[in-house]
Amino acid sequence: MFRRAFWFTAGAAAGVWATTKVNRQLKKLTPESLAAQAADKALEAGHRLKDFALDVRAGMSQREDELNDALGLHQDPERPDNVTALPGPRRRMAVEPGRPDQNTYRSNHENRSKGSYNRNEDH
């Protein structure tokens, strides 16, 4: 009698354990859970990439300082490191607004109809 009760209890406990384990695995495979896991992995990869970029930048700066010292090049002490030179003046437009470009299809087509078209000019 005790033997049967023992095995019945052991079987019931094993069934509850297996059901719980399967339900946990099924919850991990839901679309919401998979999306959350993917987002976590993406954030983790982003943090690792950021750390790598910071390490590379620090290494570049260190190597630049070593090369500047080796070559005898020193930065201007009056200009701080975080200030860069101003960009040059803006370039003018190559084609004036409102005036069509001379190399457009329309102008070439018009030249063809006039007989002065040279096909080598297109290439």
PDB file of N, CA and C in Angstrom:
ATOM      1  N   MET A   1       0.811  -1.186   0.000  1.00  0.00           N
ATOM      2  CA  MET A   1       0.000   0.000   0.000  1.00  0.00           C
ATOM      3  C   MET A   1       0.867   1.267   0.000  1.00  0.00           C
ATOM      4  N   PHE A   2       1.876   1.252   0.866  1.00  0.00           N
ATOM      5  CA  PHE A   2       2.772   2.416   0.898  1.00  0.00           C
ATOM      6  C   PHE A   2       3.585   2.517  -0.391  1.00  0.00           C
ATOM      7  N   ARG A   3       3.862   1.350  -0.936  1.00  0.00           N
ATOM      8  CA  ARG A   3       4.589   1.330  -2.183  1.00  0.00           C
ATOM      9  C   ARG A   3       3.800   2.006  -3.298  1.00  0.00           C
ATOM     10  N   ARG A   4       2.551   1.693  -3.395  1.00  0.00           N
ATOM     11  CA  ARG A   4       1.697   2.293  -4.414  1.00  0.00           C
ATOM     12  C   ARG A   4       1.568   3.798  -4.199  1.00  0.00           C
ATOM     13  N   ALA A   5       1.408   4.216  -2.965  1.00  0.00           N
ATOM     14  CA  ALA A   5       1.294   5.649  -2.651  1.00  0.00           C
ATOM     15  C   ALA A   5       2.588   6.373  -3.010  1.00  0.00           C
ATOM     16  N   PHE A   6       3.725   5.721  -2.740  1.00  0.00           N
ATOM     17  CA  PHE A   6       5.013   6.326  -3.061  1.00  0.00           C
ATOM     18  C   PHE A   6       5.146   6.522  -4.568  1.00  0.00           C
ATOM     19  N   TRP A   7       4.873   5.503  -5.343  1.00  0.00           N
ATOM     20  CA  TRP A   7       5.017   5.589  -6.788  1.00  0.00           C
ATOM     21  C   TRP A   7       3.975   6.514  -7.405  1.00  0.00           C
ATOM     22  N   PHE A   8       2.797   6.549  -6.831  1.00  0.00           N
ATOM     23  CA  PHE A   8       1.780   7.473  -7.322  1.00  0.00           C
ATOM     24  C   PHE A   8       2.251   8.917  -7.116  1.00  0.00           C
ATOM     25  N   THR A   9       2.781   9.194  -5.925  1.00  0.00           N
ATOM     26  CA  THR A   9       3.272  10.544  -5.619  1.00  0.00           C
ATOM     27  C   THR A   9       4.476  10.895  -6.492  1.00  0.00           C
ATOM     28  N   ALA A  10       5.376   9.940  -6.680  1.00  0.00           N
ATOM     29  CA  ALA A  10       6.553  10.185  -7.522  1.00  0.00           C
ATOM     30  C   ALA A  10       6.120  10.465  -8.958  1.00  0.00           C
ATOM     31  N   GLY A  11       5.156   9.736  -9.465  1.00  0.00           N
ATOM     32  CA  GLY A  11       4.660   9.948 -10.823  1.00  0.00           C
ATOM     33  C   GLY A  11       3.976  11.300 -10.977  1.00  0.00           C
ATOM     34  N   ALA A  12       3.170  11.667  -9.983  1.00  0.00           N
ATOM     35  CA  ALA A  12       2.487  12.958 -10.025  1.00  0.00           C
ATOM     36  C   ALA A  12       3.503  14.099  -9.987  1.00  0.00           C
ATOM     37  N   ALA A  13       4.530  13.974  -9.157  1.00  0.00           N
ATOM     38  CA  ALA A  13       5.565  15.013  -9.054  1.00  0.00           C
ATOM     39  C   ALA A  13       6.329  15.127 -10.373  1.00  0.00           C
ATOM     40  N   ALA A  14       6.645  13.982 -10.983  1.00  0.00           N
ATOM     41  CA  ALA A  14       7.355  14.004 -12.262  1.00  0.00           C
ATOM     42  C   ALA A  14       6.478  14.644 -13.345  1.00  0.00           C
ATOM     43  N   GLY A  15       5.190  14.362 -13.336  1.00  0.00           N
ATOM     44  CA  GLY A  15       4.274  14.962 -14.301  1.00  0.00           C
ATOM     45  C   GLY A  15       4.178  16.466 -14.137  1.00  0.00           C
ATOM     46  N   VAL A  16       4.095  16.938 -12.891  1.00  0.00           N
ATOM     47  CA  VAL A  16       4.035  18.384 -12.628  1.00  0.00           C
ATOM     48  C   VAL A  16       5.335  19.046 -13.071  1.00  0.00           C
ATOM     49  N   TRP A  17       6.464  18.409 -12.757  1.00  0.00           N
ATOM     50  CA  TRP A  17       7.766  18.967 -13.152  1.00  0.00           C
ATOM     51  C   TRP A  17       7.880  19.062 -14.674  1.00  0.00           C
ATOM     52  N   ALA A  18       7.515  17.991 -15.390  1.00  0.00           N
ATOM     53  CA  ALA A  18       7.608  17.973 -16.850  1.00  0.00           C
ATOM     54  C   ALA A  18       6.670  19.004 -17.467  1.00  0.00           C
ATOM     55  N   THR A  19       5.451  19.133 -16.932  1.00  0.00           N
ATOM     56  CA  THR A  19       4.495  20.109 -17.458  1.00  0.00           C
ATOM     57  C   THR A  19       5.019  21.527 -17.275  1.00  0.00           C
ATOM     58  N   THR A  20       5.565  21.797 -16.117  1.00  0.00           N
ATOM     59  CA  THR A  20       6.119  23.127 -15.838  1.00  0.00           C
ATOM     60  C   THR A  20       7.278  23.427 -16.785  1.00  0.00           C
ATOM     61  N   LYS A  21       8.152  22.447 -16.984  1.00  0.00           N
ATOM     62  CA  LYS A  21       9.310  22.639 -17.863  1.00  0.00           C
ATOM     63  C   LYS A  21       8.860  22.909 -19.302  1.00  0.00           C
ATOM     64  N   VAL A  22       7.887  22.167 -19.789  1.00  0.00           N
ATOM     65  CA  VAL A  22       7.395  22.354 -21.161  1.00  0.00           C
ATOM     66  C   VAL A  22       6.732  23.723 -21.306  1.00  0.00           C
ATOM     67  N   ASN A  23       5.929  24.125 -20.308  1.00  0.00           N
ATOM     68  CA  ASN A  23       5.259  25.429 -20.379  1.00  0.00           C
ATOM     69  C   ASN A  23       6.264  26.574 -20.402  1.00  0.00           C
ATOM     70  N   ARG A  24       7.350  26.449 -19.641  1.00  0.00           N
ATOM     71  CA  ARG A  24       8.390  27.492 -19.661  1.00  0.00           C
ATOM     72  C   ARG A  24       9.026  27.595 -21.042  1.00  0.00           C
ATOM     73  N   GLN A  25       9.316  26.455 -21.646  1.00  0.00           N
ATOM     74  CA  GLN A  25       9.914  26.467 -22.984  1.00  0.00           C
ATOM     75  C   GLN A  25       8.954  27.046 -24.020  1.00  0.00           C
ATOM     76  N   LEU A  26       7.673  26.730 -23.897  1.00  0.00           N
ATOM     77  CA  LEU A  26       6.689  27.279 -24.828  1.00  0.00           C
ATOM     78  C   LEU A  26       6.563  28.793 -24.686  1.00  0.00           C
ATOM     79  N   LYS A  27       6.667  29.289 -23.464  1.00  0.00           N
ATOM     80  CA  LYS A  27       6.595  30.741 -23.251  1.00  0.00           C
ATOM     81  C   LYS A  27       7.810  31.430 -23.859  1.00  0.00           C
ATOM     82  N   LYS A  28       8.948  30.749 -23.850  1.00  0.00           N
ATOM     83  CA  LYS A  28      10.150  31.339 -24.457  1.00  0.00           C
ATOM     84  C   LYS A  28      10.030  31.432 -25.965  1.00  0.00           C
ATOM     85  N   LEU A  29       9.155  30.631 -26.557  1.00  0.00           N
ATOM     86  CA  LEU A  29       9.028  30.604 -28.010  1.00  0.00           C
ATOM     87  C   LEU A  29       7.860  31.429 -28.534  1.00  0.00           C
ATOM     88  N   THR A  30       7.216  32.207 -27.681  1.00  0.00           N
ATOM     89  CA  THR A  30       6.144  33.072 -28.162  1.00  0.00           C
ATOM     90  C   THR A  30       6.760  34.241 -28.933  1.00  0.00           C
ATOM     91  N   PRO A  31       6.019  34.827 -29.865  1.00  0.00           N
ATOM     92  CA  PRO A  31       6.575  35.947 -30.641  1.00  0.00           C
ATOM     93  C   PRO A  31       7.029  37.113 -29.761  1.00  0.00           C
ATOM     94  N   GLU A  32       6.283  37.410 -28.712  1.00  0.00           N
ATOM     95  CA  GLU A  32       6.666  38.527 -27.831  1.00  0.00           C
ATOM     96  C   GLU A  32       7.992  38.232 -27.140  1.00  0.00           C
ATOM     97  N   SER A  33       8.147  36.990 -26.667  1.00  0.00           N
ATOM     98  CA  SER A  33       9.382  36.623 -25.983  1.00  0.00           C
ATOM     99  C   SER A  33      10.566  36.629 -26.942  1.00  0.00           C
ATOM    100  N   LEU A  34      10.354  36.114 -28.151  1.00  0.00           N
ATOM    101  CA  LEU A  34      11.436  36.117 -29.139  1.00  0.00           C
ATOM    102  C   LEU A  34      11.831  37.540 -29.521  1.00  0.00           C
ATOM    103  N   ALA A  35      10.840  38.420 -29.642  1.00  0.00           N
ATOM    104  CA  ALA A  35      11.133  39.820 -29.960  1.00  0.00           C
ATOM    105  C   ALA A  35      11.927  40.471 -28.832  1.00  0.00           C
ATOM    106  N   ALA A  36      11.546  40.187 -27.596  1.00  0.00           N
ATOM    107  CA  ALA A  36      12.270  40.753 -26.456  1.00  0.00           C
ATOM    108  C   ALA A  36      13.698  40.227 -26.402  1.00  0.00           C
ATOM    109  N   GLN A  37      13.869  38.937 -26.683  1.00  0.00           N
ATOM    110  CA  GLN A  37      15.220  38.369 -26.685  1.00  0.00           C
ATOM    111  C   GLN A  37      16.065  38.988 -27.795  1.00  0.00           C
ATOM    112  N   ALA A  38      15.463  39.174 -28.966  1.00  0.00           N
ATOM    113  CA  ALA A  38      16.201  39.790 -30.074  1.00  0.00           C
ATOM    114  C   ALA A  38      16.582  41.227 -29.738  1.00  0.00           C
ATOM    115  N   ALA A  39      15.673  41.957 -29.109  1.00  0.00           N
ATOM    116  CA  ALA A  39      15.969  43.340 -28.730  1.00  0.00           C
ATOM    117  C   ALA A  39      17.094  43.385 -27.704  1.00  0.00           C
ATOM    118  N   ASP A  40      17.061  42.468 -26.752  1.00  0.00           N
ATOM    119  CA  ASP A  40      18.129  42.423 -25.747  1.00  0.00           C
ATOM    120  C   ASP A  40      19.480  42.119 -26.401  1.00  0.00           C
ATOM    121  N   LYS A  41      19.479  41.173 -27.330  1.00  0.00           N
ATOM    122  CA  LYS A  41      20.731  40.833 -28.020  1.00  0.00           C
ATOM    123  C   LYS A  41      21.227  42.006 -28.861  1.00  0.00           C
ATOM    124  N   ALA A  42      20.296  42.726 -29.497  1.00  0.00           N
ATOM    125  CA  ALA A  42      20.694  43.883 -30.302  1.00  0.00           C
ATOM    126  C   ALA A  42      21.291  44.979 -29.418  1.00  0.00           C
ATOM    127  N   LEU A  43      20.689  45.214 -28.272  1.00  0.00           N
ATOM    128  CA  LEU A  43      21.238  46.222 -27.351  1.00  0.00           C
ATOM    129  C   LEU A  43      22.619  45.808 -26.862  1.00  0.00           C
ATOM    130  N   GLU A  44      22.753  44.539 -26.544  1.00  0.00           N
ATOM    131  CA  GLU A  44      24.044  44.038 -26.078  1.00  0.00           C
ATOM    132  C   GLU A  44      25.107  44.193 -27.157  1.00  0.00           C
ATOM    133  N   ALA A  45      24.744  43.863 -28.399  1.00  0.00           N
ATOM    134  CA  ALA A  45      25.690  44.015 -29.510  1.00  0.00           C
ATOM    135  C   ALA A  45      26.026  45.491 -29.729  1.00  0.00           C
ATOM    136  N   GLY A  46      25.027  46.365 -29.589  1.00  0.00           N
ATOM    137  CA  GLY A  46      25.275  47.799 -29.730  1.00  0.00           C
ATOM    138  C   GLY A  46      26.232  48.318 -28.679  1.00  0.00           C
ATOM    139  N   HIS A  47      26.072  47.850 -27.449  1.00  0.00           N
ATOM    140  CA  HIS A  47      26.981  48.277 -26.387  1.00  0.00           C
ATOM    141  C   HIS A  47      28.399  47.769 -26.640  1.00  0.00           C
ATOM    142  N   ARG A  48      28.509  46.527 -27.118  1.00  0.00           N
ATOM    143  CA  ARG A  48      29.844  46.006 -27.416  1.00  0.00           C
ATOM    144  C   ARG A  48      30.487  46.777 -28.562  1.00  0.00           C
ATOM    145  N   LEU A  49      29.685  47.121 -29.579  1.00  0.00           N
ATOM    146  CA  LEU A  49      30.201  47.889 -30.707  1.00  0.00           C
ATOM    147  C   LEU A  49      30.639  49.284 -30.267  1.00  0.00           C
ATOM    148  N   LYS A  50      29.866  49.897 -29.383  1.00  0.00           N
ATOM    149  CA  LYS A  50      30.228  51.221 -28.872  1.00  0.00           C
ATOM    150  C   LYS A  50      31.529  51.149 -28.082  1.00  0.00           C
ATOM    151  N   ASP A  51      31.667  50.126 -27.228  1.00  0.00           N
ATOM    152  CA  ASP A  51      32.903  49.959 -26.466  1.00  0.00           C
ATOM    153  C   ASP A  51      34.092  49.752 -27.393  1.00  0.00           C
ATOM    154  N   PHE A  52      33.882  48.962 -28.454  1.00  0.00           N
ATOM    155  CA  PHE A  52      34.953  48.736 -29.421  1.00  0.00           C
ATOM    156  C   PHE A  52      35.357  50.043 -30.102  1.00  0.00           C
ATOM    157  N   ALA A  53      34.355  50.828 -30.515  1.00  0.00           N
ATOM    158  CA  ALA A  53      34.643  52.100 -31.182  1.00  0.00           C
ATOM    159  C   ALA A  53      35.397  53.050 -30.245  1.00  0.00           C
ATOM    160  N   LEU A  54      35.009  53.072 -28.979  1.00  0.00           N
ATOM    161  CA  LEU A  54      35.711  53.929 -28.019  1.00  0.00           C
ATOM    162  C   LEU A  54      37.150  53.466 -27.820  1.00  0.00           C
ATOM    163  N   ASP A  55      37.372  52.145 -27.778  1.00  0.00           N
ATOM    164  CA  ASP A  55      38.727  51.620 -27.657  1.00  0.00           C
ATOM    165  C   ASP A  55      39.566  51.977 -28.880  1.00  0.00           C
ATOM    166  N   VAL A  56      38.963  51.863 -30.058  1.00  0.00           N
ATOM    167  CA  VAL A  56      39.686  52.206 -31.291  1.00  0.00           C
ATOM    168  C   VAL A  56      40.036  53.690 -31.292  1.00  0.00           C
ATOM    169  N   ARG A  57      39.079  54.524 -30.905  1.00  0.00           N
ATOM    170  CA  ARG A  57      39.328  55.966 -30.880  1.00  0.00           C
ATOM    171  C   ARG A  57      40.444  56.315 -29.886  1.00  0.00           C
ATOM    172  N   ALA A  58      40.430  55.663 -28.721  1.00  0.00           N
ATOM    173  CA  ALA A  58      41.480  55.922 -27.737  1.00  0.00           C
ATOM    174  C   ALA A  58      42.843  55.468 -28.281  1.00  0.00           C
ATOM    175  N   GLY A  59      42.858  54.307 -28.932  1.00  0.00           N
ATOM    176  CA  GLY A  59      44.099  53.812 -29.525  1.00  0.00           C
ATOM    177  C   GLY A  59      44.601  54.720 -30.628  1.00  0.00           C
ATOM    178  N   MET A  60      43.686  55.232 -31.442  1.00  0.00           N
ATOM    179  CA  MET A  60      44.075  56.160 -32.506  1.00  0.00           C
ATOM    180  C   MET A  60      44.684  57.428 -31.932  1.00  0.00           C
ATOM    181  N   SER A  61      44.051  57.950 -30.901  1.00  0.00           N
ATOM    182  CA  SER A  61      44.554  59.170 -30.279  1.00  0.00           C
ATOM    183  C   SER A  61      45.936  58.940 -29.673  1.00  0.00           C
ATOM    184  N   GLN A  62      46.090  57.795 -29.011  1.00  0.00           N
ATOM    185  CA  GLN A  62      47.386  57.484 -28.410  1.00  0.00           C
ATOM    186  C   GLN A  62      48.460  57.340 -29.487  1.00  0.00           C
ATOM    187  N   ARG A  63      48.129  56.640 -30.559  1.00  0.00           N
ATOM    188  CA  ARG A  63      49.106  56.446 -31.634  1.00  0.00           C
ATOM    189  C   ARG A  63      49.430  57.766 -32.328  1.00  0.00           C
ATOM    190  N   GLU A  64      48.425  58.615 -32.497  1.00  0.00           N
ATOM    191  CA  GLU A  64      48.662  59.924 -33.099  1.00  0.00           C
ATOM    192  C   GLU A  64      49.620  60.747 -32.242  1.00  0.00           C
ATOM    193  N   ASP A  65      49.430  60.709 -30.927  1.00  0.00           N
ATOM    194  CA  ASP A  65      50.341  61.422 -30.029  1.00  0.00           C
ATOM    195  C   ASP A  65      51.758  60.860 -30.132  1.00  0.00           C
ATOM    196  N   GLU A  66      51.881  59.523 -30.219  1.00  0.00           N
ATOM    197  CA  GLU A  66      53.196  58.910 -30.346  1.00  0.00           C
ATOM    198  C   GLU A  66      53.879  59.348 -31.652  1.00  0.00           C
ATOM    199  N   LEU A  67      53.108  59.351 -32.738  1.00  0.00           N
ATOM    200  CA  LEU A  67      53.688  59.765 -34.021  1.00  0.00           C
ATOM    201  C   LEU A  67      54.044  61.244 -34.025  1.00  0.00           C
ATOM    202  N   ASN A  68      53.198  62.074 -33.432  1.00  0.00           N
ATOM    203  CA  ASN A  68      53.510  63.503 -33.357  1.00  0.00           C
ATOM    204  C   ASN A  68      54.778  63.738 -32.551  1.00  0.00           C
ATOM    205  N   ASP A  69      54.942  63.002 -31.456  1.00  0.00           N
ATOM    206  CA  ASP A  69      56.160  63.143 -30.657  1.00  0.00           C
ATOM    207  C   ASP A  69      57.385  62.658 -31.440  1.00  0.00           C
ATOM    208  N   ALA A  70      57.223  61.540 -32.167  1.00  0.00           N
ATOM    209  CA  ALA A  70      58.344  60.992 -32.923  1.00  0.00           C
ATOM    210  C   ALA A  70      58.756  61.910 -34.071  1.00  0.00           C
ATOM    211  N   LEU A  71      57.783  62.582 -34.673  1.00  0.00           N
ATOM    212  CA  LEU A  71      58.080  63.469 -35.800  1.00  0.00           C
ATOM    213  C   LEU A  71      58.351  64.907 -35.370  1.00  0.00           C
ATOM    214  N   GLY A  72      58.183  65.187 -34.111  1.00  0.00           N
ATOM    215  CA  GLY A  72      58.415  66.541 -33.627  1.00  0.00           C
ATOM    216  C   GLY A  72      57.284  67.494 -33.930  1.00  0.00           C
ATOM    217  N   LEU A  73      56.123  66.976 -34.203  1.00  0.00           N
ATOM    218  CA  LEU A  73      54.954  67.811 -34.472  1.00  0.00           C
ATOM    219  C   LEU A  73      54.177  67.979 -33.180  1.00  0.00           C
ATOM    220  N   HIS A  74      53.898  69.205 -32.836  1.00  0.00           N
ATOM    221  CA  HIS A  74      53.134  69.459 -31.616  1.00  0.00           C
ATOM    222  C   HIS A  74      51.955  70.343 -31.968  1.00  0.00           C
ATOM    223  N   GLN A  75      50.854  70.142 -31.268  1.00  0.00           N
ATOM    224  CA  GLN A  75      49.666  70.947 -31.529  1.00  0.00           C
ATOM    225  C   GLN A  75      49.862  72.365 -31.032  1.00  0.00           C
ATOM    226  N   ASP A  76      49.108  73.274 -31.638  1.00  0.00           N
ATOM    227  CA  ASP A  76      49.125  74.672 -31.232  1.00  0.00           C
ATOM    228  C   ASP A  76      48.507  74.761 -29.839  1.00  0.00           C
ATOM    229  N   PRO A  77      49.235  75.250 -28.835  1.00  0.00           N
ATOM    230  CA  PRO A  77      48.688  75.281 -27.472  1.00  0.00           C
ATOM    231  C   PRO A  77      47.541  76.281 -27.306  1.00  0.00           C
ATOM    232  N   GLU A  78      47.405  77.219 -28.250  1.00  0.00           N
ATOM    233  CA  GLU A  78      46.335  78.198 -28.122  1.00  0.00           C
ATOM    234  C   GLU A  78      44.995  77.663 -28.599  1.00  0.00           C
ATOM    235  N   ARG A  79      45.009  76.581 -29.357  1.00  0.00           N
ATOM    236  CA  ARG A  79      43.756  76.003 -29.843  1.00  0.00           C
ATOM    237  C   ARG A  79      43.476  74.713 -29.081  1.00  0.00           C
ATOM    238  N   PRO A  80      42.361  74.654 -28.356  1.00  0.00           N
ATOM    239  CA  PRO A  80      42.050  73.429 -27.612  1.00  0.00           C
ATOM    240  C   PRO A  80      41.780  72.260 -28.563  1.00  0.00           C
ATOM    241  N   ASP A  81      41.855  71.027 -28.023  1.00  0.00           N
ATOM    242  CA  ASP A  81      41.683  69.823 -28.841  1.00  0.00           C
ATOM    243  C   ASP A  81      40.287  69.713 -29.446  1.00  0.00           C
ATOM    244  N   ASN A  82      39.276  70.214 -28.749  1.00  0.00           N
ATOM    245  CA  ASN A  82      37.911  70.001 -29.222  1.00  0.00           C
ATOM    246  C   ASN A  82      37.453  71.047 -30.232  1.00  0.00           C
ATOM    247  N   VAL A  83      38.321  71.987 -30.623  1.00  0.00           N
ATOM    248  CA  VAL A  83      37.955  73.013 -31.598  1.00  0.00           C
ATOM    249  C   VAL A  83      38.592  72.646 -32.930  1.00  0.00           C
ATOM    250  N   THR A  84      37.780  72.627 -33.969  1.00  0.00           N
ATOM    251  CA  THR A  84      38.310  72.326 -35.292  1.00  0.00           C
ATOM    252  C   THR A  84      38.279  73.589 -36.135  1.00  0.00           C
ATOM    253  N   ALA A  85      38.986  73.561 -37.224  1.00  0.00           N
ATOM    254  CA  ALA A  85      39.025  74.719 -38.115  1.00  0.00           C
ATOM    255  C   ALA A  85      37.665  74.890 -38.781  1.00  0.00           C
ATOM    256  N   LEU A  86      37.376  76.122 -39.142  1.00  0.00           N
ATOM    257  CA  LEU A  86      36.113  76.398 -39.816  1.00  0.00           C
ATOM    258  C   LEU A  86      36.162  75.865 -41.240  1.00  0.00           C
ATOM    259  N   PRO A  87      35.039  75.430 -41.773  1.00  0.00           N
ATOM    260  CA  PRO A  87      35.042  74.949 -43.151  1.00  0.00           C
ATOM    261  C   PRO A  87      35.279  76.093 -44.121  1.00  0.00           C
ATOM    262  N   GLY A  88      35.735  75.751 -45.306  1.00  0.00           N
ATOM    263  CA  GLY A  88      36.009  76.754 -46.327  1.00  0.00           C
ATOM    264  C   GLY A  88      34.720  77.362 -46.849  1.00  0.00           C
ATOM    265  N   PRO A  89      34.832  78.373 -47.702  1.00  0.00           N
ATOM    266  CA  PRO A  89      33.626  79.011 -48.239  1.00  0.00           C
ATOM    267  C   PRO A  89      32.849  78.031 -49.101  1.00  0.00           C
ATOM    268  N   ARG A  90      31.551  78.244 -49.200  1.00  0.00           N
ATOM    269  CA  ARG A  90      30.695  77.364 -49.987  1.00  0.00           C
ATOM    270  C   ARG A  90      30.974  77.564 -51.467  1.00  0.00           C
ATOM    271  N   ARG A  91      30.885  76.486 -52.204  1.00  0.00           N
ATOM    272  CA  ARG A  91      31.105  76.565 -53.648  1.00  0.00           C
ATOM    273  C   ARG A  91      29.865  77.095 -54.331  1.00  0.00           C
ATOM    274  N   ARG A  92      30.092  77.779 -55.434  1.00  0.00           N
ATOM    275  CA  ARG A  92      28.968  78.278 -56.215  1.00  0.00           C
ATOM    276  C   ARG A  92      28.373  77.131 -57.023  1.00  0.00           C
ATOM    277  N   MET A  93      27.119  77.319 -57.401  1.00  0.00           N
ATOM    278  CA  MET A  93      26.452  76.302 -58.201  1.00  0.00           C
ATOM    279  C   MET A  93      27.083  76.236 -59.583  1.00  0.00           C
ATOM    280  N   ALA A  94      27.222  75.037 -60.115  1.00  0.00           N
ATOM    281  CA  ALA A  94      27.819  74.864 -61.430  1.00  0.00           C
ATOM    282  C   ALA A  94      26.879  75.332 -62.530  1.00  0.00           C
ATOM    283  N   VAL A  95      25.597  75.189 -62.325  1.00  0.00           N
ATOM    284  CA  VAL A  95      24.600  75.612 -63.305  1.00  0.00           C
ATOM    285  C   VAL A  95      23.701  76.627 -62.634  1.00  0.00           C
ATOM    286  N   GLU A  96      23.452  77.708 -63.300  1.00  0.00           N
ATOM    287  CA  GLU A  96      22.595  78.734 -62.719  1.00  0.00           C
ATOM    288  C   GLU A  96      21.159  78.232 -62.647  1.00  0.00           C
ATOM    289  N   PRO A  97      20.426  78.581 -61.591  1.00  0.00           N
ATOM    290  CA  PRO A  97      19.039  78.145 -61.512  1.00  0.00           C
ATOM    291  C   PRO A  97      18.221  78.763 -62.642  1.00  0.00           C
ATOM    292  N   GLY A  98      17.313  77.991 -63.192  1.00  0.00           N
ATOM    293  CA  GLY A  98      16.456  78.481 -64.255  1.00  0.00           C
ATOM    294  C   GLY A  98      17.050  78.336 -65.639  1.00  0.00           C
ATOM    295  N   ARG A  99      18.337  78.059 -65.734  1.00  0.00           N
ATOM    296  CA  ARG A  99      18.992  77.882 -67.030  1.00  0.00           C
ATOM    297  C   ARG A  99      19.297  76.398 -67.207  1.00  0.00           C
ATOM    298  N   PRO A 100      18.782  75.755 -68.242  1.00  0.00           N
ATOM    299  CA  PRO A 100      19.015  74.313 -68.389  1.00  0.00           C
ATOM    300  C   PRO A 100      20.478  74.017 -68.692  1.00  0.00           C
ATOM    301  N   ASP A 101      20.898  72.862 -68.249  1.00  0.00           N
ATOM    302  CA  ASP A 101      22.257  72.413 -68.508  1.00  0.00           C
ATOM    303  C   ASP A 101      22.431  72.148 -70.001  1.00  0.00           C
ATOM    304  N   GLN A 102      23.621  72.409 -70.533  1.00  0.00           N
ATOM    305  CA  GLN A 102      23.855  72.247 -71.969  1.00  0.00           C
ATOM    306  C   GLN A 102      23.961  70.777 -72.376  1.00  0.00           C
ATOM    307  N   ASN A 103      24.165  69.881 -71.428  1.00  0.00           N
ATOM    308  CA  ASN A 103      24.347  68.468 -71.747  1.00  0.00           C
ATOM    309  C   ASN A 103      23.089  67.647 -71.500  1.00  0.00           C
ATOM    310  N   THR A 104      21.953  68.254 -71.418  1.00  0.00           N
ATOM    311  CA  THR A 104      20.729  67.511 -71.158  1.00  0.00           C
ATOM    312  C   THR A 104      20.240  66.838 -72.418  1.00  0.00           C
ATOM    313  N   TYR A 105      19.324  65.916 -72.246  1.00  0.00           N
ATOM    314  CA  TYR A 105      18.753  65.202 -73.380  1.00  0.00           C
ATOM    315  C   TYR A 105      18.067  66.166 -74.334  1.00  0.00           C
ATOM    316  N   ARG A 106      17.340  67.114 -73.770  1.00  0.00           N
ATOM    317  CA  ARG A 106      16.587  68.038 -74.620  1.00  0.00           C
ATOM    318  C   ARG A 106      17.535  68.825 -75.523  1.00  0.00           C
ATOM    319  N   SER A 107      18.623  69.347 -74.967  1.00  0.00           N
ATOM    320  CA  SER A 107      19.513  70.149 -75.806  1.00  0.00           C
ATOM    321  C   SER A 107      20.193  69.281 -76.862  1.00  0.00           C
ATOM    322  N   ASN A 108      20.549  68.040 -76.524  1.00  0.00           N
ATOM    323  CA  ASN A 108      21.144  67.142 -77.515  1.00  0.00           C
ATOM    324  C   ASN A 108      20.131  66.778 -78.587  1.00  0.00           C
ATOM    325  N   HIS A 109      18.898  66.567 -78.174  1.00  0.00           N
ATOM    326  CA  HIS A 109      17.854  66.231 -79.138  1.00  0.00           C
ATOM    327  C   HIS A 109      17.620  67.405 -80.087  1.00  0.00           C
ATOM    328  N   GLU A 110      17.634  68.615 -79.560  1.00  0.00           N
ATOM    329  CA  GLU A 110      17.467  69.788 -80.411  1.00  0.00           C
ATOM    330  C   GLU A 110      18.635  69.917 -81.379  1.00  0.00           C
ATOM    331  N   ASN A 111      19.849  69.614 -80.907  1.00  0.00           N
ATOM    332  CA  ASN A 111      21.020  69.690 -81.778  1.00  0.00           C
ATOM    333  C   ASN A 111      20.940  68.663 -82.897  1.00  0.00           C
ATOM    334  N   ARG A 112      20.391  67.486 -82.623  1.00  0.00           N
ATOM    335  CA  ARG A 112      20.250  66.457 -83.640  1.00  0.00           C
ATOM    336  C   ARG A 112      19.313  66.920 -84.748  1.00  0.00           C
ATOM    337  N   SER A 113      18.222  67.547 -84.332  1.00  0.00           N
ATOM    338  CA  SER A 113      17.246  67.968 -85.329  1.00  0.00           C
ATOM    339  C   SER A 113      17.803  69.092 -86.205  1.00  0.00           C
ATOM    340  N   LYS A 114      18.771  69.846 -85.700  1.00  0.00           N
ATOM    341  CA  LYS A 114      19.366  70.920 -86.489  1.00  0.00           C
ATOM    342  C   LYS A 114      20.469  70.410 -87.417  1.00  0.00           C
ATOM    343  N   GLY A 115      20.916  69.188 -87.200  1.00  0.00           N
ATOM    344  CA  GLY A 115      21.963  68.628 -88.059  1.00  0.00           C
ATOM    345  C   GLY A 115      23.353  68.848 -87.518  1.00  0.00           C
ATOM    346  N   SER A 116      23.542  69.513 -86.396  1.00  0.00           N
ATOM    347  CA  SER A 116      24.875  69.766 -85.858  1.00  0.00           C
ATOM    348  C   SER A 116      25.234  68.812 -84.739  1.00  0.00           C
ATOM    349  N   TYR A 117      24.569  67.701 -84.697  1.00  0.00           N
ATOM    350  CA  TYR A 117      24.790  66.741 -83.611  1.00  0.00           C
ATOM    351  C   TYR A 117      26.033  65.921 -83.873  1.00  0.00           C
ATOM    352  N   ASN A 118      26.906  65.839 -82.911  1.00  0.00           N
ATOM    353  CA  ASN A 118      28.088  65.004 -82.994  1.00  0.00           C
ATOM    354  C   ASN A 118      27.956  63.939 -81.919  1.00  0.00           C
ATOM    355  N   ARG A 119      27.810  62.696 -82.292  1.00  0.00           N
ATOM    356  CA  ARG A 119      27.532  61.656 -81.305  1.00  0.00           C
ATOM    357  C   ARG A 119      28.715  61.375 -80.401  1.00  0.00           C
ATOM    358  N   ASN A 120      29.920  61.784 -80.758  1.00  0.00           N
ATOM    359  CA  ASN A 120      31.073  61.587 -79.900  1.00  0.00           C
ATOM    360  C   ASN A 120      31.067  62.522 -78.704  1.00  0.00           C
ATOM    361  N   GLU A 121      30.259  63.556 -78.757  1.00  0.00           N
ATOM    362  CA  GLU A 121      30.198  64.480 -77.630  1.00  0.00           C
ATOM    363  C   GLU A 121      29.451  63.886 -76.432  1.00  0.00           C
ATOM    364  N   ASP A 122      28.636  62.875 -76.677  1.00  0.00           N
ATOM    365  CA  ASP A 122      27.883  62.262 -75.590  1.00  0.00           C
ATOM    366  C   ASP A 122      28.772  61.386 -74.692  1.00  0.00           C
ATOM    367  N   HIS A 123      29.908  60.984 -75.179  1.00  0.00           N
ATOM    368  CA  HIS A 123      30.693  59.992 -74.447  1.00  0.00           C
ATOM    369  C   HIS A 123      31.863  60.599 -73.792  1.00  0.00           C
TER     370      HIS A 123
END
